[in-house]
PDB file of N, CA and C in Angstrom:
ATOM      1  N   MET A   1     -31.106 -14.181  -6.566  1.00  0.00           N
ATOM      2  CA  MET A   1     -30.541 -13.273  -5.591  1.00  0.00           C
ATOM      3  C   MET A   1     -29.134 -12.852  -6.005  1.00  0.00           C
ATOM      4  N   LYS A   2     -28.363 -13.824  -6.531  1.00  0.00           N
ATOM      5  CA  LYS A   2     -27.005 -13.490  -6.920  1.00  0.00           C
ATOM      6  C   LYS A   2     -26.990 -12.533  -8.116  1.00  0.00           C
ATOM      7  N   ASN A   3     -27.960 -12.707  -9.027  1.00  0.00           N
ATOM      8  CA  ASN A   3     -28.014 -11.813 -10.177  1.00  0.00           C
ATOM      9  C   ASN A   3     -28.339 -10.391  -9.755  1.00  0.00           C
ATOM     10  N   LYS A   4     -29.217 -10.244  -8.770  1.00  0.00           N
ATOM     11  CA  LYS A   4     -29.540  -8.906  -8.282  1.00  0.00           C
ATOM     12  C   LYS A   4     -28.342  -8.274  -7.595  1.00  0.00           C
ATOM     13  N   LEU A   5     -27.590  -9.083  -6.856  1.00  0.00           N
ATOM     14  CA  LEU A   5     -26.401  -8.566  -6.187  1.00  0.00           C
ATOM     15  C   LEU A   5     -25.339  -8.159  -7.202  1.00  0.00           C
ATOM     16  N   LYS A   6     -25.161  -8.975  -8.233  1.00  0.00           N
ATOM     17  CA  LYS A   6     -24.190  -8.628  -9.284  1.00  0.00           C
ATOM     18  C   LYS A   6     -24.612  -7.372 -10.021  1.00  0.00           C
ATOM     19  N   LEU A   7     -25.908  -7.238 -10.284  1.00  0.00           N
ATOM     20  CA  LEU A   7     -26.409  -6.045 -10.955  1.00  0.00           C
ATOM     21  C   LEU A   7     -26.209  -4.810 -10.089  1.00  0.00           C
ATOM     22  N   ALA A   8     -26.496  -4.922  -8.811  1.00  0.00           N
ATOM     23  CA  ALA A   8     -26.299  -3.787  -7.897  1.00  0.00           C
ATOM     24  C   ALA A   8     -24.828  -3.410  -7.809  1.00  0.00           C
ATOM     25  N   ALA A   9     -23.955  -4.412  -7.751  1.00  0.00           N
ATOM     26  CA  ALA A   9     -22.512  -4.125  -7.696  1.00  0.00           C
ATOM     27  C   ALA A   9     -22.043  -3.479  -8.989  1.00  0.00           C
ATOM     28  N   ALA A  10     -22.541  -3.940 -10.130  1.00  0.00           N
ATOM     29  CA  ALA A  10     -22.149  -3.354 -11.407  1.00  0.00           C
ATOM     30  C   ALA A  10     -22.615  -1.909 -11.519  1.00  0.00           C
ATOM     31  N   ILE A  11     -23.829  -1.639 -11.071  1.00  0.00           N
ATOM     32  CA  ILE A  11     -24.335  -0.265 -11.115  1.00  0.00           C
ATOM     33  C   ILE A  11     -23.525   0.631 -10.191  1.00  0.00           C
ATOM     34  N   PHE A  12     -23.221   0.130  -8.999  1.00  0.00           N
ATOM     35  CA  PHE A  12     -22.434   0.922  -8.051  1.00  0.00           C
ATOM     36  C   PHE A  12     -21.034   1.208  -8.596  1.00  0.00           C
ATOM     37  N   LEU A  13     -20.384   0.189  -9.133  1.00  0.00           N
ATOM     38  CA  LEU A  13     -19.032   0.390  -9.640  1.00  0.00           C
ATOM     39  C   LEU A  13     -19.020   1.273 -10.879  1.00  0.00           C
ATOM     40  N   SER A  14     -20.028   1.172 -11.722  1.00  0.00           N
ATOM     41  CA  SER A  14     -20.063   2.039 -12.898  1.00  0.00           C
ATOM     42  C   SER A  14     -20.351   3.481 -12.523  1.00  0.00           C
ATOM     43  N   SER A  15     -20.981   3.696 -11.379  1.00  0.00           N
ATOM     44  CA  SER A  15     -21.216   5.070 -10.941  1.00  0.00           C
ATOM     45  C   SER A  15     -19.939   5.725 -10.422  1.00  0.00           C
ATOM     46  N   LEU A  16     -18.917   4.931 -10.177  1.00  0.00           N
ATOM     47  CA  LEU A  16     -17.658   5.491  -9.691  1.00  0.00           C
ATOM     48  C   LEU A  16     -16.746   5.981 -10.819  1.00  0.00           C
ATOM     49  N   PHE A  17     -17.012   5.589 -12.053  1.00  0.00           N
ATOM     50  CA  PHE A  17     -16.149   5.989 -13.160  1.00  0.00           C
ATOM     51  C   PHE A  17     -16.079   7.499 -13.381  1.00  0.00           C
ATOM     52  N   PRO A  18     -17.168   8.245 -13.259  1.00  0.00           N
ATOM     53  CA  PRO A  18     -17.051   9.697 -13.427  1.00  0.00           C
ATOM     54  C   PRO A  18     -16.149  10.357 -12.387  1.00  0.00           C
ATOM     55  N   LEU A  19     -15.978   9.717 -11.236  1.00  0.00           N
ATOM     56  CA  LEU A  19     -15.109  10.295 -10.215  1.00  0.00           C
ATOM     57  C   LEU A  19     -13.672  10.404 -10.703  1.00  0.00           C
ATOM     58  N   ALA A  20     -13.256   9.479 -11.556  1.00  0.00           N
ATOM     59  CA  ALA A  20     -11.899   9.546 -12.093  1.00  0.00           C
ATOM     60  C   ALA A  20     -11.723  10.783 -12.959  1.00  0.00           C
ATOM     61  N   ALA A  21     -12.755  11.170 -13.689  1.00  0.00           N
ATOM     62  CA  ALA A  21     -12.668  12.371 -14.516  1.00  0.00           C
ATOM     63  C   ALA A  21     -12.598  13.625 -13.656  1.00  0.00           C
ATOM     64  N   PHE A  22     -13.329  13.637 -12.548  1.00  0.00           N
ATOM     65  CA  PHE A  22     -13.293  14.792 -11.664  1.00  0.00           C
ATOM     66  C   PHE A  22     -11.988  14.865 -10.882  1.00  0.00           C
ATOM     67  N   ALA A  23     -11.253  13.782 -10.826  1.00  0.00           N
ATOM     68  CA  ALA A  23     -10.017  13.756 -10.067  1.00  0.00           C
ATOM     69  C   ALA A  23      -8.827  14.284 -10.864  1.00  0.00           C
ATOM     70  N   GLN A  24      -9.045  14.667 -12.102  1.00  0.00           N
ATOM     71  CA  GLN A  24      -7.952  15.161 -12.928  1.00  0.00           C
ATOM     72  C   GLN A  24      -7.427  16.481 -12.374  1.00  0.00           C
ATOM     73  N   ILE A  25      -6.141  16.651 -12.484  1.00  0.00           N
ATOM     74  CA  ILE A  25      -5.569  17.924 -12.103  1.00  0.00           C
ATOM     75  C   ILE A  25      -5.358  18.744 -13.377  1.00  0.00           C
ATOM     76  N   SER A  26      -5.501  20.048 -13.247  1.00  0.00           N
ATOM     77  CA  SER A  26      -5.404  20.889 -14.439  1.00  0.00           C
ATOM     78  C   SER A  26      -4.009  21.479 -14.614  1.00  0.00           C
ATOM     79  N   TYR A  27      -3.118  21.148 -13.751  1.00  0.00           N
ATOM     80  CA  TYR A  27      -1.760  21.659 -13.866  1.00  0.00           C
ATOM     81  C   TYR A  27      -0.778  20.549 -13.552  1.00  0.00           C
ATOM     82  N   ILE A  28       0.439  20.710 -14.006  1.00  0.00           N
ATOM     83  CA  ILE A  28       1.495  19.756 -13.699  1.00  0.00           C
ATOM     84  C   ILE A  28       2.241  20.292 -12.486  1.00  0.00           C
ATOM     85  N   PRO A  29       2.293  19.509 -11.411  1.00  0.00           N
ATOM     86  CA  PRO A  29       2.982  20.018 -10.226  1.00  0.00           C
ATOM     87  C   PRO A  29       4.478  20.184 -10.498  1.00  0.00           C
ATOM     88  N   PRO A  30       5.085  21.155  -9.842  1.00  0.00           N
ATOM     89  CA  PRO A  30       6.520  21.368 -10.063  1.00  0.00           C
ATOM     90  C   PRO A  30       7.329  20.181  -9.537  1.00  0.00           C
ATOM     91  N   PRO A  31       8.512  19.981 -10.089  1.00  0.00           N
ATOM     92  CA  PRO A  31       9.331  18.864  -9.607  1.00  0.00           C
ATOM     93  C   PRO A  31       9.810  19.105  -8.173  1.00  0.00           C
ATOM     94  N   VAL A  32      10.083  18.019  -7.499  1.00  0.00           N
ATOM     95  CA  VAL A  32      10.555  18.097  -6.120  1.00  0.00           C
ATOM     96  C   VAL A  32      12.023  18.513  -6.150  1.00  0.00           C
ATOM     97  N   THR A  33      12.330  19.629  -5.492  1.00  0.00           N
ATOM     98  CA  THR A  33      13.706  20.122  -5.489  1.00  0.00           C
ATOM     99  C   THR A  33      14.290  20.238  -4.090  1.00  0.00           C
ATOM    100  N   THR A  34      13.447  20.118  -3.072  1.00  0.00           N
ATOM    101  CA  THR A  34      13.941  20.252  -1.701  1.00  0.00           C
ATOM    102  C   THR A  34      13.545  19.024  -0.893  1.00  0.00           C
ATOM    103  N   ILE A  35      14.167  18.906   0.264  1.00  0.00           N
ATOM    104  CA  ILE A  35      13.830  17.811   1.179  1.00  0.00           C
ATOM    105  C   ILE A  35      12.396  17.975   1.675  1.00  0.00           C
ATOM    106  N   GLY A  36      11.989  19.213   1.948  1.00  0.00           N
ATOM    107  CA  GLY A  36      10.630  19.467   2.399  1.00  0.00           C
ATOM    108  C   GLY A  36       9.592  19.053   1.357  1.00  0.00           C
ATOM    109  N   GLY A  37       9.909  19.290   0.098  1.00  0.00           N
ATOM    110  CA  GLY A  37       9.007  18.864  -0.967  1.00  0.00           C
ATOM    111  C   GLY A  37       8.920  17.354  -1.060  1.00  0.00           C
ATOM    112  N   PHE A  38      10.063  16.688  -0.849  1.00  0.00           N
ATOM    113  CA  PHE A  38      10.071  15.223  -0.870  1.00  0.00           C
ATOM    114  C   PHE A  38       9.271  14.655   0.299  1.00  0.00           C
ATOM    115  N   ILE A  39       9.431  15.252   1.475  1.00  0.00           N
ATOM    116  CA  ILE A  39       8.672  14.799   2.640  1.00  0.00           C
ATOM    117  C   ILE A  39       7.185  15.046   2.417  1.00  0.00           C
ATOM    118  N   GLY A  40       6.836  16.164   1.801  1.00  0.00           N
ATOM    119  CA  GLY A  40       5.443  16.436   1.481  1.00  0.00           C
ATOM    120  C   GLY A  40       4.871  15.413   0.509  1.00  0.00           C
ATOM    121  N   LEU A  41       5.693  14.996  -0.453  1.00  0.00           N
ATOM    122  CA  LEU A  41       5.267  13.978  -1.412  1.00  0.00           C
ATOM    123  C   LEU A  41       5.037  12.640  -0.720  1.00  0.00           C
ATOM    124  N   ILE A  42       5.940  12.271   0.190  1.00  0.00           N
ATOM    125  CA  ILE A  42       5.790  11.024   0.947  1.00  0.00           C
ATOM    126  C   ILE A  42       4.553  11.098   1.842  1.00  0.00           C
ATOM    127  N   CYS A  43       4.331  12.247   2.493  1.00  0.00           N
ATOM    128  CA  CYS A  43       3.149  12.409   3.349  1.00  0.00           C
ATOM    129  C   CYS A  43       1.866  12.312   2.533  1.00  0.00           C
ATOM    130  N   SER A  44       1.882  12.844   1.345  1.00  0.00           N
ATOM    131  CA  SER A  44       0.712  12.746   0.480  1.00  0.00           C
ATOM    132  C   SER A  44       0.428  11.287   0.119  1.00  0.00           C
ATOM    133  N   ALA A  45       1.468  10.533  -0.206  1.00  0.00           N
ATOM    134  CA  ALA A  45       1.296   9.112  -0.525  1.00  0.00           C
ATOM    135  C   ALA A  45       0.789   8.340   0.692  1.00  0.00           C
ATOM    136  N   ILE A  46       1.308   8.649   1.862  1.00  0.00           N
ATOM    137  CA  ILE A  46       0.864   7.973   3.089  1.00  0.00           C
ATOM    138  C   ILE A  46      -0.600   8.279   3.367  1.00  0.00           C
ATOM    139  N   ASN A  47      -1.017   9.520   3.145  1.00  0.00           N
ATOM    140  CA  ASN A  47      -2.422   9.874   3.360  1.00  0.00           C
ATOM    141  C   ASN A  47      -3.341   9.137   2.393  1.00  0.00           C
ATOM    142  N   TRP A  48      -2.905   8.974   1.139  1.00  0.00           N
ATOM    143  CA  TRP A  48      -3.714   8.221   0.183  1.00  0.00           C
ATOM    144  C   TRP A  48      -3.815   6.754   0.596  1.00  0.00           C
ATOM    145  N   ILE A  49      -2.726   6.178   1.054  1.00  0.00           N
ATOM    146  CA  ILE A  49      -2.734   4.777   1.482  1.00  0.00           C
ATOM    147  C   ILE A  49      -3.614   4.611   2.719  1.00  0.00           C
ATOM    148  N   PHE A  50      -3.529   5.559   3.647  1.00  0.00           N
ATOM    149  CA  PHE A  50      -4.362   5.517   4.844  1.00  0.00           C
ATOM    150  C   PHE A  50      -5.841   5.573   4.477  1.00  0.00           C
ATOM    151  N   THR A  51      -6.190   6.466   3.564  1.00  0.00           N
ATOM    152  CA  THR A  51      -7.578   6.570   3.112  1.00  0.00           C
ATOM    153  C   THR A  51      -8.025   5.280   2.437  1.00  0.00           C
ATOM    154  N   PHE A  52      -7.141   4.688   1.640  1.00  0.00           N
ATOM    155  CA  PHE A  52      -7.452   3.424   0.981  1.00  0.00           C
ATOM    156  C   PHE A  52      -7.738   2.335   2.009  1.00  0.00           C
ATOM    157  N   PHE A  53      -6.913   2.237   3.051  1.00  0.00           N
ATOM    158  CA  PHE A  53      -7.129   1.240   4.107  1.00  0.00           C
ATOM    159  C   PHE A  53      -8.469   1.452   4.811  1.00  0.00           C
ATOM    160  N   ILE A  54      -8.809   2.687   5.092  1.00  0.00           N
ATOM    161  CA  ILE A  54     -10.061   2.972   5.778  1.00  0.00           C
ATOM    162  C   ILE A  54     -11.254   2.577   4.901  1.00  0.00           C
ATOM    163  N   VAL A  55     -11.198   2.933   3.619  1.00  0.00           N
ATOM    164  CA  VAL A  55     -12.293   2.592   2.707  1.00  0.00           C
ATOM    165  C   VAL A  55     -12.428   1.083   2.564  1.00  0.00           C
ATOM    166  N   ILE A  56     -11.311   0.380   2.409  1.00  0.00           N
ATOM    167  CA  ILE A  56     -11.351  -1.074   2.266  1.00  0.00           C
ATOM    168  C   ILE A  56     -11.888  -1.724   3.539  1.00  0.00           C
ATOM    169  N   SER A  57     -11.485  -1.220   4.696  1.00  0.00           N
ATOM    170  CA  SER A  57     -11.971  -1.826   5.934  1.00  0.00           C
ATOM    171  C   SER A  57     -13.470  -1.601   6.114  1.00  0.00           C
ATOM    172  N   VAL A  58     -13.970  -0.447   5.721  1.00  0.00           N
ATOM    173  CA  VAL A  58     -15.414  -0.207   5.800  1.00  0.00           C
ATOM    174  C   VAL A  58     -16.161  -1.131   4.839  1.00  0.00           C
ATOM    175  N   LEU A  59     -15.625  -1.298   3.627  1.00  0.00           N
ATOM    176  CA  LEU A  59     -16.254  -2.219   2.670  1.00  0.00           C
ATOM    177  C   LEU A  59     -16.238  -3.656   3.188  1.00  0.00           C
ATOM    178  N   LEU A  60     -15.130  -4.080   3.779  1.00  0.00           N
ATOM    179  CA  LEU A  60     -15.077  -5.424   4.351  1.00  0.00           C
ATOM    180  C   LEU A  60     -16.081  -5.584   5.491  1.00  0.00           C
ATOM    181  N   PHE A  61     -16.231  -4.560   6.284  1.00  0.00           N
ATOM    182  CA  PHE A  61     -17.195  -4.613   7.373  1.00  0.00           C
ATOM    183  C   PHE A  61     -18.615  -4.756   6.832  1.00  0.00           C
ATOM    184  N   ILE A  62     -18.947  -4.010   5.797  1.00  0.00           N
ATOM    185  CA  ILE A  62     -20.277  -4.095   5.191  1.00  0.00           C
ATOM    186  C   ILE A  62     -20.503  -5.464   4.568  1.00  0.00           C
ATOM    187  N   ILE A  63     -19.489  -6.005   3.880  1.00  0.00           N
ATOM    188  CA  ILE A  63     -19.610  -7.331   3.267  1.00  0.00           C
ATOM    189  C   ILE A  63     -19.788  -8.399   4.341  1.00  0.00           C
ATOM    190  N   GLY A  64     -19.045  -8.292   5.425  1.00  0.00           N
ATOM    191  CA  GLY A  64     -19.179  -9.258   6.514  1.00  0.00           C
ATOM    192  C   GLY A  64     -20.533  -9.190   7.184  1.00  0.00           C
ATOM    193  N   ALA A  65     -21.027  -7.968   7.384  1.00  0.00           N
ATOM    194  CA  ALA A  65     -22.353  -7.817   7.987  1.00  0.00           C
ATOM    195  C   ALA A  65     -23.425  -8.379   7.059  1.00  0.00           C
ATOM    196  N   TYR A  66     -23.283  -8.154   5.770  1.00  0.00           N
ATOM    197  CA  TYR A  66     -24.237  -8.705   4.801  1.00  0.00           C
ATOM    198  C   TYR A  66     -24.198 -10.230   4.821  1.00  0.00           C
ATOM    199  N   ALA A  67     -23.006 -10.799   4.902  1.00  0.00           N
ATOM    200  CA  ALA A  67     -22.886 -12.264   4.932  1.00  0.00           C
ATOM    201  C   ALA A  67     -23.526 -12.839   6.191  1.00  0.00           C
ATOM    202  N   ILE A  68     -23.359 -12.166   7.303  1.00  0.00           N
ATOM    203  CA  ILE A  68     -23.960 -12.652   8.547  1.00  0.00           C
ATOM    204  C   ILE A  68     -25.479 -12.506   8.502  1.00  0.00           C
ATOM    205  N   LEU A  69     -25.953 -11.383   7.967  1.00  0.00           N
ATOM    206  CA  LEU A  69     -27.398 -11.169   7.917  1.00  0.00           C
ATOM    207  C   LEU A  69     -28.102 -12.123   6.957  1.00  0.00           C
ATOM    208  N   THR A  70     -27.434 -12.484   5.873  1.00  0.00           N
ATOM    209  CA  THR A  70     -28.066 -13.368   4.896  1.00  0.00           C
ATOM    210  C   THR A  70     -27.769 -14.834   5.147  1.00  0.00           C
ATOM    211  N   ALA A  71     -27.022 -15.143   6.184  1.00  0.00           N
ATOM    212  CA  ALA A  71     -26.683 -16.537   6.456  1.00  0.00           C
ATOM    213  C   ALA A  71     -27.891 -17.324   6.940  1.00  0.00           C
ATOM    214  N   GLY A  72     -28.814 -16.634   7.581  1.00  0.00           N
ATOM    215  CA  GLY A  72     -30.003 -17.319   8.085  1.00  0.00           C
ATOM    216  C   GLY A  72     -29.629 -18.288   9.187  1.00  0.00           C
ATOM    217  N   GLU A  73     -30.087 -19.517   9.055  1.00  0.00           N
ATOM    218  CA  GLU A  73     -29.800 -20.514  10.078  1.00  0.00           C
ATOM    219  C   GLU A  73     -28.595 -21.373   9.724  1.00  0.00           C
ATOM    220  N   SER A  74     -27.910 -21.036   8.661  1.00  0.00           N
ATOM    221  CA  SER A  74     -26.733 -21.791   8.253  1.00  0.00           C
ATOM    222  C   SER A  74     -25.539 -21.342   9.091  1.00  0.00           C
ATOM    223  N   SER A  75     -25.197 -22.147  10.077  1.00  0.00           N
ATOM    224  CA  SER A  75     -24.107 -21.755  10.973  1.00  0.00           C
ATOM    225  C   SER A  75     -22.748 -21.865  10.280  1.00  0.00           C
ATOM    226  N   SER A  76     -22.620 -22.731   9.285  1.00  0.00           N
ATOM    227  CA  SER A  76     -21.336 -22.837   8.584  1.00  0.00           C
ATOM    228  C   SER A  76     -21.065 -21.582   7.772  1.00  0.00           C
ATOM    229  N   LYS A  77     -22.105 -21.007   7.182  1.00  0.00           N
ATOM    230  CA  LYS A  77     -21.936 -19.774   6.434  1.00  0.00           C
ATOM    231  C   LYS A  77     -21.601 -18.615   7.369  1.00  0.00           C
ATOM    232  N   ARG A  78     -22.203 -18.615   8.542  1.00  0.00           N
ATOM    233  CA  ARG A  78     -21.957 -17.554   9.507  1.00  0.00           C
ATOM    234  C   ARG A  78     -20.539 -17.652  10.070  1.00  0.00           C
ATOM    235  N   ASP A  79     -20.057 -18.865  10.307  1.00  0.00           N
ATOM    236  CA  ASP A  79     -18.707 -19.043  10.840  1.00  0.00           C
ATOM    237  C   ASP A  79     -17.643 -18.707   9.803  1.00  0.00           C
ATOM    238  N   ASN A  80     -17.957 -18.905   8.541  1.00  0.00           N
ATOM    239  CA  ASN A  80     -16.974 -18.650   7.489  1.00  0.00           C
ATOM    240  C   ASN A  80     -16.853 -17.172   7.133  1.00  0.00           C
ATOM    241  N   SER A  81     -17.763 -16.347   7.583  1.00  0.00           N
ATOM    242  CA  SER A  81     -17.677 -14.933   7.235  1.00  0.00           C
ATOM    243  C   SER A  81     -16.725 -14.247   8.214  1.00  0.00           C
ATOM    244  N   SER A  82     -15.494 -14.148   7.823  1.00  0.00           N
ATOM    245  CA  SER A  82     -14.486 -13.520   8.679  1.00  0.00           C
ATOM    246  C   SER A  82     -14.124 -12.132   8.170  1.00  0.00           C
ATOM    247  N   ALA A  83     -14.962 -11.568   7.317  1.00  0.00           N
ATOM    248  CA  ALA A  83     -14.671 -10.247   6.764  1.00  0.00           C
ATOM    249  C   ALA A  83     -14.693  -9.174   7.843  1.00  0.00           C
ATOM    250  N   ILE A  84     -15.539  -9.328   8.845  1.00  0.00           N
ATOM    251  CA  ILE A  84     -15.586  -8.328   9.919  1.00  0.00           C
ATOM    252  C   ILE A  84     -14.289  -8.358  10.718  1.00  0.00           C
ATOM    253  N   THR A  85     -13.755  -9.544  10.942  1.00  0.00           N
ATOM    254  CA  THR A  85     -12.474  -9.652  11.647  1.00  0.00           C
ATOM    255  C   THR A  85     -11.369  -8.978  10.839  1.00  0.00           C
ATOM    256  N   TYR A  86     -11.360  -9.224   9.532  1.00  0.00           N
ATOM    257  CA  TYR A  86     -10.360  -8.591   8.676  1.00  0.00           C
ATOM    258  C   TYR A  86     -10.532  -7.074   8.639  1.00  0.00           C
ATOM    259  N   ALA A  87     -11.770  -6.606   8.687  1.00  0.00           N
ATOM    260  CA  ALA A  87     -12.021  -5.167   8.695  1.00  0.00           C
ATOM    261  C   ALA A  87     -11.477  -4.525   9.967  1.00  0.00           C
ATOM    262  N   ILE A  88     -11.687  -5.186  11.083  1.00  0.00           N
ATOM    263  CA  ILE A  88     -11.182  -4.658  12.355  1.00  0.00           C
ATOM    264  C   ILE A  88      -9.653  -4.658  12.357  1.00  0.00           C
ATOM    265  N   ILE A  89      -9.053  -5.725  11.832  1.00  0.00           N
ATOM    266  CA  ILE A  89      -7.588  -5.790  11.749  1.00  0.00           C
ATOM    267  C   ILE A  89      -7.058  -4.691  10.834  1.00  0.00           C
ATOM    268  N   ALA A  90      -7.730  -4.453   9.699  1.00  0.00           N
ATOM    269  CA  ALA A  90      -7.290  -3.401   8.780  1.00  0.00           C
ATOM    270  C   ALA A  90      -7.378  -2.028   9.438  1.00  0.00           C
ATOM    271  N   LEU A  91      -8.439  -1.785  10.206  1.00  0.00           N
ATOM    272  CA  LEU A  91      -8.549  -0.509  10.904  1.00  0.00           C
ATOM    273  C   LEU A  91      -7.449  -0.327  11.940  1.00  0.00           C
ATOM    274  N   ILE A  92      -7.165  -1.384  12.689  1.00  0.00           N
ATOM    275  CA  ILE A  92      -6.112  -1.304  13.702  1.00  0.00           C
ATOM    276  C   ILE A  92      -4.763  -1.049  13.060  1.00  0.00           C
ATOM    277  N   VAL A  93      -4.460  -1.759  11.975  1.00  0.00           N
ATOM    278  CA  VAL A  93      -3.176  -1.578  11.291  1.00  0.00           C
ATOM    279  C   VAL A  93      -3.059  -0.166  10.731  1.00  0.00           C
ATOM    280  N   ALA A  94      -4.127   0.334  10.133  1.00  0.00           N
ATOM    281  CA  ALA A  94      -4.078   1.676   9.557  1.00  0.00           C
ATOM    282  C   ALA A  94      -3.883   2.743  10.626  1.00  0.00           C
ATOM    283  N   ILE A  95      -4.590   2.613  11.727  1.00  0.00           N
ATOM    284  CA  ILE A  95      -4.464   3.608  12.795  1.00  0.00           C
ATOM    285  C   ILE A  95      -3.093   3.528  13.453  1.00  0.00           C
ATOM    286  N   LEU A  96      -2.582   2.316  13.652  1.00  0.00           N
ATOM    287  CA  LEU A  96      -1.235   2.179  14.216  1.00  0.00           C
ATOM    288  C   LEU A  96      -0.178   2.727  13.273  1.00  0.00           C
ATOM    289  N   ALA A  97      -0.328   2.472  11.992  1.00  0.00           N
ATOM    290  CA  ALA A  97       0.656   2.977  11.028  1.00  0.00           C
ATOM    291  C   ALA A  97       0.652   4.493  10.982  1.00  0.00           C
ATOM    292  N   LYS A  98      -0.501   5.086  11.203  1.00  0.00           N
ATOM    293  CA  LYS A  98      -0.594   6.543  11.172  1.00  0.00           C
ATOM    294  C   LYS A  98      -0.090   7.181  12.468  1.00  0.00           C
ATOM    295  N   GLY A  99      -0.343   6.552  13.615  1.00  0.00           N
ATOM    296  CA  GLY A  99      -0.030   7.182  14.883  1.00  0.00           C
ATOM    297  C   GLY A  99       1.210   6.690  15.585  1.00  0.00           C
ATOM    298  N   LEU A 100       1.680   5.487  15.256  1.00  0.00           N
ATOM    299  CA  LEU A 100       2.818   4.907  15.964  1.00  0.00           C
ATOM    300  C   LEU A 100       4.105   5.726  15.844  1.00  0.00           C
ATOM    301  N   PRO A 101       4.448   6.270  14.684  1.00  0.00           N
ATOM    302  CA  PRO A 101       5.672   7.075  14.627  1.00  0.00           C
ATOM    303  C   PRO A 101       5.642   8.285  15.558  1.00  0.00           C
ATOM    304  N   LEU A 102       4.482   8.904  15.696  1.00  0.00           N
ATOM    305  CA  LEU A 102       4.379  10.055  16.603  1.00  0.00           C
ATOM    306  C   LEU A 102       4.500   9.630  18.058  1.00  0.00           C
ATOM    307  N   ILE A 103       3.914   8.481  18.384  1.00  0.00           N
ATOM    308  CA  ILE A 103       3.990   7.995  19.762  1.00  0.00           C
ATOM    309  C   ILE A 103       5.423   7.636  20.122  1.00  0.00           C
ATOM    310  N   VAL A 104       6.111   6.920  19.242  1.00  0.00           N
ATOM    311  CA  VAL A 104       7.506   6.534  19.491  1.00  0.00           C
ATOM    312  C   VAL A 104       8.384   7.774  19.568  1.00  0.00           C
ATOM    313  N   GLY A 105       8.145   8.738  18.684  1.00  0.00           N
ATOM    314  CA  GLY A 105       8.926   9.976  18.711  1.00  0.00           C
ATOM    315  C   GLY A 105       8.735  10.754  19.994  1.00  0.00           C
ATOM    316  N   SER A 106       7.520  10.757  20.522  1.00  0.00           N
ATOM    317  CA  SER A 106       7.286  11.484  21.769  1.00  0.00           C
ATOM    318  C   SER A 106       7.944  10.777  22.952  1.00  0.00           C
ATOM    319  N   PHE A 107       7.995   9.442  22.926  1.00  0.00           N
ATOM    320  CA  PHE A 107       8.689   8.711  23.988  1.00  0.00           C
ATOM    321  C   PHE A 107      10.195   8.938  23.927  1.00  0.00           C
ATOM    322  N   LEU A 108      10.723   9.069  22.720  1.00  0.00           N
ATOM    323  CA  LEU A 108      12.164   9.278  22.567  1.00  0.00           C
ATOM    324  C   LEU A 108      12.564  10.740  22.730  1.00  0.00           C
ATOM    325  N   GLY A 109      11.584  11.620  22.849  1.00  0.00           N
ATOM    326  CA  GLY A 109      11.882  13.031  23.069  1.00  0.00           C
ATOM    327  C   GLY A 109      12.247  13.780  21.812  1.00  0.00           C
ATOM    328  N   VAL A 110      11.843  13.285  20.675  1.00  0.00           N
ATOM    329  CA  VAL A 110      12.139  13.960  19.411  1.00  0.00           C
ATOM    330  C   VAL A 110      11.161  15.108  19.252  1.00  0.00           C
ATOM    331  N   SER A 111      11.692  16.273  18.934  1.00  0.00           N
ATOM    332  CA  SER A 111      10.817  17.425  18.737  1.00  0.00           C
ATOM    333  C   SER A 111      10.707  17.724  17.244  1.00  0.00           C
ATOM    334  N   GLY A 112       9.664  18.379  16.870  1.00  0.00           N
ATOM    335  CA  GLY A 112       9.474  18.768  15.477  1.00  0.00           C
ATOM    336  C   GLY A 112       8.812  17.696  14.623  1.00  0.00           C
ATOM    337  N   LEU A 113       8.314  16.640  15.257  1.00  0.00           N
ATOM    338  CA  LEU A 113       7.592  15.629  14.476  1.00  0.00           C
ATOM    339  C   LEU A 113       6.225  16.167  14.110  1.00  0.00           C
ATOM    340  N   ARG A 114       5.809  15.840  12.913  1.00  0.00           N
ATOM    341  CA  ARG A 114       4.468  16.239  12.502  1.00  0.00           C
ATOM    342  C   ARG A 114       3.769  15.044  11.888  1.00  0.00           C
ATOM    343  N   SER A 115       2.474  15.050  12.002  1.00  0.00           N
ATOM    344  CA  SER A 115       1.690  13.978  11.412  1.00  0.00           C
ATOM    345  C   SER A 115       1.527  14.258   9.936  1.00  0.00           C
ATOM    346  N   CYS A 116       1.622  13.226   9.143  1.00  0.00           N
ATOM    347  CA  CYS A 116       1.444  13.408   7.696  1.00  0.00           C
ATOM    348  C   CYS A 116       0.027  13.680   7.434  1.00  0.00           C
TER     349      CYS A 116
END
């Protein structure tokens, strides 16, 4: 069973390698010369990190569900699978990190805030 799982994981991960080639940009972006450009660069980095958190939390959720489903009657294996808890925590942290600055800004009456 473990060999089949390792083989499936290897096939899945090797299928992701072509995505790196498609992710190439064909131009060099201009250097950041204004504050707006710098804020745009920071917002772009935040969006990538947010997407990374969401993908990781979904993967953790799937791994946790798989561990629970394959645990059978082994209650120790079922109790040790805390990946679903970590997935929920990762989702909460990601959503709070994305929305909390806007919520705090609206309470403080700051205008002109935008979501990255």
